[in-house]
Amino acid sequence: MISIAIICKNEERIIEKCLNQAKKLADEIIVVDSGSTDKTPAIVQEIAKNFDLKFFFQEWLGYAGQKNFALGLCNQSWVLSLDADEVLSDELIAEIKALDLNLHRAYKIPRKLFIGERFIRWGGYYPDYQLRLAPKNLARFNDRPVHESMILIGSTEEIPIIKLKNPINHYSYAGIEDLERAFDNYAVLARKKSNLVLACLKFIFTFVNKYFFQLGILEGALGLRLALVHANYTFKKYFWNN
């Protein structure tokens, strides 16, 4: 009844864990690769030997385009969208299995960010609810170049969106340097009209909000660095030279 749709590229570090947990819940897994050059394809194909896992190649369509392509390949009536660096917790799997999927609803799932093996609780990173589980005929990702999110379409009635209690574990960054590189790329994708004054104001607001109001200070030195990464990201979105 549930298809899990996963996009990936060069995710050998975590994709096996992602897929092994997904197998505990899914009736079908769809993996769409955009050109991995590491061991990702071999790992996926090995798992596909004993599970209904379909592996596809698709040139990169952008984050939203790639995820919508994967959703379009799903055959079950419900879809759960994951990135290849996201791992379903055992508690979340049990919670979803207990749902009555005959009800016309969609579900937001909390997400726990890990940098390396460290869970980042403070600074606005948790619970970070994401709409991820929905009837296939309603699920689509909005057309944004970065930080895309699932939306519900095609229904004339309001669909209740329920928050689940248990998390997806997000192992996106092996270290803070990986996060910095990723956010530099995101800033390019999310560029706004260049404005130095606005960029400076955005930097200050983002840093103060992340570090003080959202209690990033409780993460110690790492919290300070994370607040600066996010502040630099907002600055670079609004002030760029090329």
C-alpha atoms as a PDB file:
ATOM      1  CA  MET A   1       0.000   0.000   0.000  1.00  0.00           C
ATOM      2  CA  ILE A   2       3.035   2.315   0.460  1.00  0.00           C
ATOM      3  CA  SER A   3       5.670   3.143  -2.139  1.00  0.00           C
ATOM      4  CA  ILE A   4       8.831   4.796  -0.841  1.00  0.00           C
ATOM      5  CA  ALA A   5      10.437   7.102  -3.422  1.00  0.00           C
ATOM      6  CA  ILE A   6      14.138   7.942  -2.998  1.00  0.00           C
ATOM      7  CA  ILE A   7      16.432  10.141  -5.085  1.00  0.00           C
ATOM      8  CA  CYS A   8      20.187   9.729  -4.848  1.00  0.00           C
ATOM      9  CA  LYS A   9      23.630  10.481  -6.201  1.00  0.00           C
ATOM     10  CA  ASN A  10      26.868   9.250  -4.619  1.00  0.00           C
ATOM     11  CA  GLU A  11      25.281   8.221  -1.318  1.00  0.00           C
ATOM     12  CA  GLU A  12      27.316   5.087  -0.530  1.00  0.00           C
ATOM     13  CA  ARG A  13      27.908   6.374   3.011  1.00  0.00           C
ATOM     14  CA  ILE A  14      24.301   5.958   4.144  1.00  0.00           C
ATOM     15  CA  ILE A  15      22.033   4.547   1.413  1.00  0.00           C
ATOM     16  CA  GLU A  16      22.263   0.933   2.569  1.00  0.00           C
ATOM     17  CA  LYS A  17      20.976   1.933   6.002  1.00  0.00           C
ATOM     18  CA  CYS A  18      18.277   4.048   4.346  1.00  0.00           C
ATOM     19  CA  LEU A  19      17.069   1.145   2.190  1.00  0.00           C
ATOM     20  CA  ASN A  20      17.231  -1.519   4.887  1.00  0.00           C
ATOM     21  CA  GLN A  21      14.945   0.567   7.095  1.00  0.00           C
ATOM     22  CA  ALA A  22      12.664   1.439   4.179  1.00  0.00           C
ATOM     23  CA  LYS A  23      12.218  -2.287   3.456  1.00  0.00           C
ATOM     24  CA  LYS A  24      10.593  -2.694   6.872  1.00  0.00           C
ATOM     25  CA  LEU A  25       7.715  -0.436   5.825  1.00  0.00           C
ATOM     26  CA  ALA A  26       7.396  -0.277   2.047  1.00  0.00           C
ATOM     27  CA  ASP A  27       5.499  -2.510  -0.326  1.00  0.00           C
ATOM     28  CA  GLU A  28       7.662  -1.066  -3.085  1.00  0.00           C
ATOM     29  CA  ILE A  29      10.781   1.095  -3.217  1.00  0.00           C
ATOM     30  CA  ILE A  30      11.582   3.371  -6.153  1.00  0.00           C
ATOM     31  CA  VAL A  31      15.179   4.661  -6.349  1.00  0.00           C
ATOM     32  CA  VAL A  32      16.093   7.302  -8.926  1.00  0.00           C
ATOM     33  CA  ASP A  33      19.811   7.912  -9.420  1.00  0.00           C
ATOM     34  CA  SER A  34      21.162  10.958 -11.257  1.00  0.00           C
ATOM     35  CA  GLY A  35      24.593   9.590 -12.102  1.00  0.00           C
ATOM     36  CA  SER A  36      26.397   8.084  -9.122  1.00  0.00           C
ATOM     37  CA  THR A  37      30.079   7.309  -9.622  1.00  0.00           C
ATOM     38  CA  ASP A  38      30.619   5.607  -6.254  1.00  0.00           C
ATOM     39  CA  LYS A  39      29.239   2.299  -4.929  1.00  0.00           C
ATOM     40  CA  THR A  40      25.640   3.547  -4.685  1.00  0.00           C
ATOM     41  CA  PRO A  41      24.330   1.614  -7.753  1.00  0.00           C
ATOM     42  CA  ALA A  42      25.949  -1.629  -6.593  1.00  0.00           C
ATOM     43  CA  ILE A  43      24.442  -1.288  -3.112  1.00  0.00           C
ATOM     44  CA  VAL A  44      20.974  -0.587  -4.509  1.00  0.00           C
ATOM     45  CA  GLN A  45      21.133  -3.464  -6.998  1.00  0.00           C
ATOM     46  CA  GLU A  46      22.217  -5.907  -4.308  1.00  0.00           C
ATOM     47  CA  ILE A  47      19.240  -5.013  -2.112  1.00  0.00           C
ATOM     48  CA  ALA A  48      16.952  -5.242  -5.166  1.00  0.00           C
ATOM     49  CA  LYS A  49      17.765  -8.966  -5.458  1.00  0.00           C
ATOM     50  CA  ASN A  50      15.446  -9.824  -2.559  1.00  0.00           C
ATOM     51  CA  PHE A  51      12.966  -6.935  -2.425  1.00  0.00           C
ATOM     52  CA  ASP A  52      10.568  -5.135  -4.765  1.00  0.00           C
ATOM     53  CA  LEU A  53      13.006  -2.323  -5.460  1.00  0.00           C
ATOM     54  CA  LYS A  54      13.136  -0.643  -8.860  1.00  0.00           C
ATOM     55  CA  PHE A  55      16.259   1.309  -9.809  1.00  0.00           C
ATOM     56  CA  PHE A  56      16.111   4.043 -12.443  1.00  0.00           C
ATOM     57  CA  PHE A  57      18.545   6.533 -13.930  1.00  0.00           C
ATOM     58  CA  GLN A  58      17.404  10.072 -14.669  1.00  0.00           C
ATOM     59  CA  GLU A  59      19.532  13.069 -15.590  1.00  0.00           C
ATOM     60  CA  TRP A  60      19.249  15.726 -12.904  1.00  0.00           C
ATOM     61  CA  LEU A  61      15.974  17.659 -13.192  1.00  0.00           C
ATOM     62  CA  GLY A  62      16.474  19.833 -10.116  1.00  0.00           C
ATOM     63  CA  TYR A  63      15.419  18.838  -6.604  1.00  0.00           C
ATOM     64  CA  ALA A  64      11.669  19.173  -7.140  1.00  0.00           C
ATOM     65  CA  GLY A  65      11.732  17.775 -10.673  1.00  0.00           C
ATOM     66  CA  GLN A  66      13.723  14.724  -9.618  1.00  0.00           C
ATOM     67  CA  LYS A  67      11.418  13.979  -6.694  1.00  0.00           C
ATOM     68  CA  ASN A  68       8.302  14.405  -8.816  1.00  0.00           C
ATOM     69  CA  PHE A  69       9.787  12.049 -11.403  1.00  0.00           C
ATOM     70  CA  ALA A  70      10.303   9.448  -8.662  1.00  0.00           C
ATOM     71  CA  LEU A  71       6.749   9.910  -7.350  1.00  0.00           C
ATOM     72  CA  GLY A  72       5.434   9.353 -10.866  1.00  0.00           C
ATOM     73  CA  LEU A  73       7.044   5.895 -10.954  1.00  0.00           C
ATOM     74  CA  CYS A  74       5.310   4.720  -7.782  1.00  0.00           C
ATOM     75  CA  ASN A  75       2.576   2.097  -8.103  1.00  0.00           C
ATOM     76  CA  GLN A  76       1.061   2.019  -4.612  1.00  0.00           C
ATOM     77  CA  SER A  77      -1.800   4.210  -3.415  1.00  0.00           C
ATOM     78  CA  TRP A  78       0.351   5.950  -0.768  1.00  0.00           C
ATOM     79  CA  VAL A  79       3.794   7.484  -1.217  1.00  0.00           C
ATOM     80  CA  LEU A  80       6.533   8.335   1.254  1.00  0.00           C
ATOM     81  CA  SER A  81       9.322  10.513  -0.125  1.00  0.00           C
ATOM     82  CA  LEU A  82      12.867  10.204   1.255  1.00  0.00           C
ATOM     83  CA  ASP A  83      16.307  11.477   0.420  1.00  0.00           C
ATOM     84  CA  ALA A  84      18.999   8.821   0.347  1.00  0.00           C
ATOM     85  CA  ASP A  85      20.598  10.262   3.495  1.00  0.00           C
ATOM     86  CA  GLU A  86      17.380   9.922   5.514  1.00  0.00           C
ATOM     87  CA  VAL A  87      16.697   6.858   7.653  1.00  0.00           C
ATOM     88  CA  LEU A  88      13.313   5.856   9.062  1.00  0.00           C
ATOM     89  CA  SER A  89      13.486   5.203  12.794  1.00  0.00           C
ATOM     90  CA  ASP A  90      12.043   1.902  14.049  1.00  0.00           C
ATOM     91  CA  GLU A  91       9.558   3.887  16.131  1.00  0.00           C
ATOM     92  CA  LEU A  92       8.356   5.800  13.060  1.00  0.00           C
ATOM     93  CA  ILE A  93       7.950   2.590  11.080  1.00  0.00           C
ATOM     94  CA  ALA A  94       5.766   1.143  13.847  1.00  0.00           C
ATOM     95  CA  GLU A  95       3.755   4.366  14.058  1.00  0.00           C
ATOM     96  CA  ILE A  96       3.058   4.410  10.312  1.00  0.00           C
ATOM     97  CA  LYS A  97       2.129   0.728  10.286  1.00  0.00           C
ATOM     98  CA  ALA A  98      -0.500   1.495  12.929  1.00  0.00           C
ATOM     99  CA  LEU A  99      -2.153   4.231  10.819  1.00  0.00           C
ATOM    100  CA  ASP A 100      -5.469   3.686   9.106  1.00  0.00           C
ATOM    101  CA  LEU A 101      -4.486   4.575   5.558  1.00  0.00           C
ATOM    102  CA  ASN A 102      -8.085   4.299   4.420  1.00  0.00           C
ATOM    103  CA  LEU A 103      -8.627   7.720   5.966  1.00  0.00           C
ATOM    104  CA  HIS A 104      -8.234  10.696   3.620  1.00  0.00           C
ATOM    105  CA  ARG A 105      -5.271  12.334   5.315  1.00  0.00           C
ATOM    106  CA  ALA A 106      -1.634  13.284   4.842  1.00  0.00           C
ATOM    107  CA  TYR A 107       1.151  13.212   7.401  1.00  0.00           C
ATOM    108  CA  LYS A 108       4.026  15.425   8.507  1.00  0.00           C
ATOM    109  CA  ILE A 109       7.025  13.695  10.034  1.00  0.00           C
ATOM    110  CA  PRO A 110       9.586  15.244  12.411  1.00  0.00           C
ATOM    111  CA  ARG A 111      13.180  15.108  11.242  1.00  0.00           C
ATOM    112  CA  LYS A 112      16.330  14.835  13.354  1.00  0.00           C
ATOM    113  CA  LEU A 113      19.455  16.382  11.844  1.00  0.00           C
ATOM    114  CA  PHE A 114      22.778  14.664  12.529  1.00  0.00           C
ATOM    115  CA  ILE A 115      26.179  16.130  11.772  1.00  0.00           C
ATOM    116  CA  GLY A 116      28.377  13.097  11.847  1.00  0.00           C
ATOM    117  CA  GLU A 117      26.806  11.108  14.663  1.00  0.00           C
ATOM    118  CA  ARG A 118      25.753  14.161  16.679  1.00  0.00           C
ATOM    119  CA  PHE A 119      22.055  14.990  16.883  1.00  0.00           C
ATOM    120  CA  ILE A 120      21.456  18.741  16.600  1.00  0.00           C
ATOM    121  CA  ARG A 121      18.482  19.565  18.821  1.00  0.00           C
ATOM    122  CA  TRP A 122      18.767  23.347  19.223  1.00  0.00           C
ATOM    123  CA  GLY A 123      18.894  26.205  16.756  1.00  0.00           C
ATOM    124  CA  GLY A 124      15.616  25.498  14.994  1.00  0.00           C
ATOM    125  CA  TYR A 125      16.685  22.109  13.654  1.00  0.00           C
ATOM    126  CA  TYR A 126      14.208  19.954  15.538  1.00  0.00           C
ATOM    127  CA  PRO A 127      11.456  18.865  15.134  1.00  0.00           C
ATOM    128  CA  ASP A 128      11.607  20.304  11.564  1.00  0.00           C
ATOM    129  CA  TYR A 129       8.276  18.756  10.467  1.00  0.00           C
ATOM    130  CA  GLN A 130       8.155  17.695   6.809  1.00  0.00           C
ATOM    131  CA  LEU A 131       5.090  16.654   4.811  1.00  0.00           C
ATOM    132  CA  ARG A 132       6.261  13.323   3.402  1.00  0.00           C
ATOM    133  CA  LEU A 133       3.472  10.715   3.557  1.00  0.00           C
ATOM    134  CA  ALA A 134       0.377  11.255   1.417  1.00  0.00           C
ATOM    135  CA  PRO A 135      -1.993   9.602  -1.049  1.00  0.00           C
ATOM    136  CA  LYS A 136      -0.136   9.289  -4.346  1.00  0.00           C
ATOM    137  CA  ASN A 137      -2.789  11.145  -6.326  1.00  0.00           C
ATOM    138  CA  LEU A 138      -2.381  14.219  -4.118  1.00  0.00           C
ATOM    139  CA  ALA A 139       1.395  14.340  -3.577  1.00  0.00           C
ATOM    140  CA  ARG A 140       3.724  16.641  -5.489  1.00  0.00           C
ATOM    141  CA  PHE A 141       6.784  18.781  -4.739  1.00  0.00           C
ATOM    142  CA  ASN A 142       6.535  22.519  -5.317  1.00  0.00           C
ATOM    143  CA  ASP A 143       8.688  23.941  -8.080  1.00  0.00           C
ATOM    144  CA  ARG A 144      11.462  25.634  -6.115  1.00  0.00           C
ATOM    145  CA  PRO A 145      15.184  25.471  -7.015  1.00  0.00           C
ATOM    146  CA  VAL A 146      16.123  24.502  -3.444  1.00  0.00           C
ATOM    147  CA  HIS A 147      14.383  23.671  -0.143  1.00  0.00           C
ATOM    148  CA  GLU A 148      11.495  22.155  -2.071  1.00  0.00           C
ATOM    149  CA  SER A 149       8.609  20.690  -0.078  1.00  0.00           C
ATOM    150  CA  MET A 150       5.719  18.324  -0.677  1.00  0.00           C
ATOM    151  CA  ILE A 151       2.339  19.902  -1.356  1.00  0.00           C
ATOM    152  CA  LEU A 152      -1.131  18.455  -1.879  1.00  0.00           C
ATOM    153  CA  ILE A 153      -2.841  18.992  -5.231  1.00  0.00           C
ATOM    154  CA  GLY A 154      -5.901  17.962  -7.183  1.00  0.00           C
ATOM    155  CA  SER A 155      -8.489  17.842  -4.417  1.00  0.00           C
ATOM    156  CA  THR A 156     -11.495  20.110  -3.985  1.00  0.00           C
ATOM    157  CA  GLU A 157     -11.745  19.352  -0.264  1.00  0.00           C
ATOM    158  CA  GLU A 158      -9.382  20.272   2.547  1.00  0.00           C
ATOM    159  CA  ILE A 159      -7.209  17.313   3.516  1.00  0.00           C
ATOM    160  CA  PRO A 160      -6.329  16.987   7.228  1.00  0.00           C
ATOM    161  CA  ILE A 161      -2.562  17.002   7.759  1.00  0.00           C
ATOM    162  CA  ILE A 162      -1.540  15.092  10.880  1.00  0.00           C
ATOM    163  CA  LYS A 163       1.795  15.375  12.677  1.00  0.00           C
ATOM    164  CA  LEU A 164       3.406  12.069  13.584  1.00  0.00           C
ATOM    165  CA  LYS A 165       5.473  11.714  16.754  1.00  0.00           C
ATOM    166  CA  ASN A 166       8.508   9.699  15.699  1.00  0.00           C
ATOM    167  CA  PRO A 167      11.313  10.926  13.450  1.00  0.00           C
ATOM    168  CA  ILE A 168      13.187  10.455  10.260  1.00  0.00           C
ATOM    169  CA  ASN A 169      16.915  10.540  11.076  1.00  0.00           C
ATOM    170  CA  HIS A 170      18.735  12.840   8.664  1.00  0.00           C
ATOM    171  CA  TYR A 171      22.439  12.009   8.155  1.00  0.00           C
ATOM    172  CA  SER A 172      23.120  14.567   5.456  1.00  0.00           C
ATOM    173  CA  TYR A 173      26.513  15.855   6.598  1.00  0.00           C
ATOM    174  CA  ALA A 174      29.580  13.896   7.681  1.00  0.00           C
ATOM    175  CA  GLY A 175      30.926  17.096   9.222  1.00  0.00           C
ATOM    176  CA  ILE A 176      30.295  20.834   9.479  1.00  0.00           C
ATOM    177  CA  GLU A 177      32.481  21.406   6.403  1.00  0.00           C
ATOM    178  CA  ASP A 178      30.042  19.347   4.310  1.00  0.00           C
ATOM    179  CA  LEU A 179      27.190  21.525   5.547  1.00  0.00           C
ATOM    180  CA  GLU A 180      29.077  24.708   4.658  1.00  0.00           C
ATOM    181  CA  ARG A 181      29.728  23.481   1.118  1.00  0.00           C
ATOM    182  CA  ALA A 182      26.093  22.463   0.684  1.00  0.00           C
ATOM    183  CA  PHE A 183      24.797  25.836   1.858  1.00  0.00           C
ATOM    184  CA  ASP A 184      27.175  27.665  -0.483  1.00  0.00           C
ATOM    185  CA  ASN A 185      25.582  25.707  -3.353  1.00  0.00           C
ATOM    186  CA  TYR A 186      22.081  26.391  -2.028  1.00  0.00           C
ATOM    187  CA  ALA A 187      22.826  30.119  -1.921  1.00  0.00           C
ATOM    188  CA  VAL A 188      23.646  30.090  -5.636  1.00  0.00           C
ATOM    189  CA  LEU A 189      20.406  28.243  -6.445  1.00  0.00           C
ATOM    190  CA  ALA A 190      18.305  30.535  -4.236  1.00  0.00           C
ATOM    191  CA  ARG A 191      19.749  33.882  -5.373  1.00  0.00           C
ATOM    192  CA  LYS A 192      17.619  36.992  -5.043  1.00  0.00           C
ATOM    193  CA  LYS A 193      18.155  40.457  -6.499  1.00  0.00           C
ATOM    194  CA  SER A 194      21.528  41.605  -5.165  1.00  0.00           C
ATOM    195  CA  ASN A 195      21.220  44.188  -2.377  1.00  0.00           C
ATOM    196  CA  LEU A 196      24.058  44.771   0.104  1.00  0.00           C
ATOM    197  CA  VAL A 197      21.977  46.534   2.766  1.00  0.00           C
ATOM    198  CA  LEU A 198      19.312  43.842   2.734  1.00  0.00           C
ATOM    199  CA  ALA A 199      22.001  41.152   2.771  1.00  0.00           C
ATOM    200  CA  CYS A 200      23.566  42.634   5.913  1.00  0.00           C
ATOM    201  CA  LEU A 201      20.203  42.895   7.656  1.00  0.00           C
ATOM    202  CA  LYS A 202      19.368  39.294   6.711  1.00  0.00           C
ATOM    203  CA  PHE A 203      22.753  38.141   8.064  1.00  0.00           C
ATOM    204  CA  ILE A 204      22.172  39.823  11.426  1.00  0.00           C
ATOM    205  CA  PHE A 205      18.575  38.638  11.751  1.00  0.00           C
ATOM    206  CA  THR A 206      19.412  35.033  10.827  1.00  0.00           C
ATOM    207  CA  PHE A 207      22.343  34.832  13.221  1.00  0.00           C
ATOM    208  CA  VAL A 208      20.448  36.334  16.168  1.00  0.00           C
ATOM    209  CA  ASN A 209      17.418  34.164  15.484  1.00  0.00           C
ATOM    210  CA  LYS A 210      19.361  30.903  15.143  1.00  0.00           C
ATOM    211  CA  TYR A 211      21.860  31.442  17.933  1.00  0.00           C
ATOM    212  CA  PHE A 212      19.768  33.205  20.562  1.00  0.00           C
ATOM    213  CA  PHE A 213      16.014  32.952  19.945  1.00  0.00           C
ATOM    214  CA  GLN A 214      16.139  29.356  18.660  1.00  0.00           C
ATOM    215  CA  LEU A 215      18.703  28.460  21.341  1.00  0.00           C
ATOM    216  CA  GLY A 216      21.555  27.421  19.072  1.00  0.00           C
ATOM    217  CA  ILE A 217      23.792  28.674  21.882  1.00  0.00           C
ATOM    218  CA  LEU A 218      22.955  25.442  23.727  1.00  0.00           C
ATOM    219  CA  GLU A 219      24.878  23.474  21.078  1.00  0.00           C
ATOM    220  CA  GLY A 220      28.119  25.123  22.176  1.00  0.00           C
ATOM    221  CA  ALA A 221      30.820  25.903  19.612  1.00  0.00           C
ATOM    222  CA  LEU A 222      29.004  23.876  16.956  1.00  0.00           C
ATOM    223  CA  GLY A 223      25.852  25.939  17.520  1.00  0.00           C
ATOM    224  CA  LEU A 224      27.815  29.129  16.928  1.00  0.00           C
ATOM    225  CA  ARG A 225      29.268  27.777  13.704  1.00  0.00           C
ATOM    226  CA  LEU A 226      25.876  26.583  12.490  1.00  0.00           C
ATOM    227  CA  ALA A 227      24.338  29.991  13.136  1.00  0.00           C
ATOM    228  CA  LEU A 228      27.164  31.596  11.127  1.00  0.00           C
ATOM    229  CA  VAL A 229      26.694  29.119   8.256  1.00  0.00           C
ATOM    230  CA  HIS A 230      23.001  29.986   8.020  1.00  0.00           C
ATOM    231  CA  ALA A 231      23.701  33.713   8.323  1.00  0.00           C
ATOM    232  CA  ASN A 232      26.318  33.510   5.549  1.00  0.00           C
ATOM    233  CA  TYR A 233      23.828  31.593   3.408  1.00  0.00           C
ATOM    234  CA  THR A 234      21.233  34.353   3.700  1.00  0.00           C
ATOM    235  CA  PHE A 235      23.895  37.023   3.052  1.00  0.00           C
ATOM    236  CA  LYS A 236      25.090  35.259  -0.116  1.00  0.00           C
ATOM    237  CA  LYS A 237      21.524  34.887  -1.368  1.00  0.00           C
ATOM    238  CA  TYR A 238      21.057  38.654  -1.303  1.00  0.00           C
ATOM    239  CA  PHE A 239      24.547  39.865  -2.233  1.00  0.00           C
ATOM    240  CA  TRP A 240      26.597  38.237  -4.967  1.00  0.00           C
ATOM    241  CA  ASN A 241      29.097  39.425  -7.554  1.00  0.00           C
ATOM    242  CA  ASN A 242      28.784  36.972 -10.450  1.00  0.00           C
END
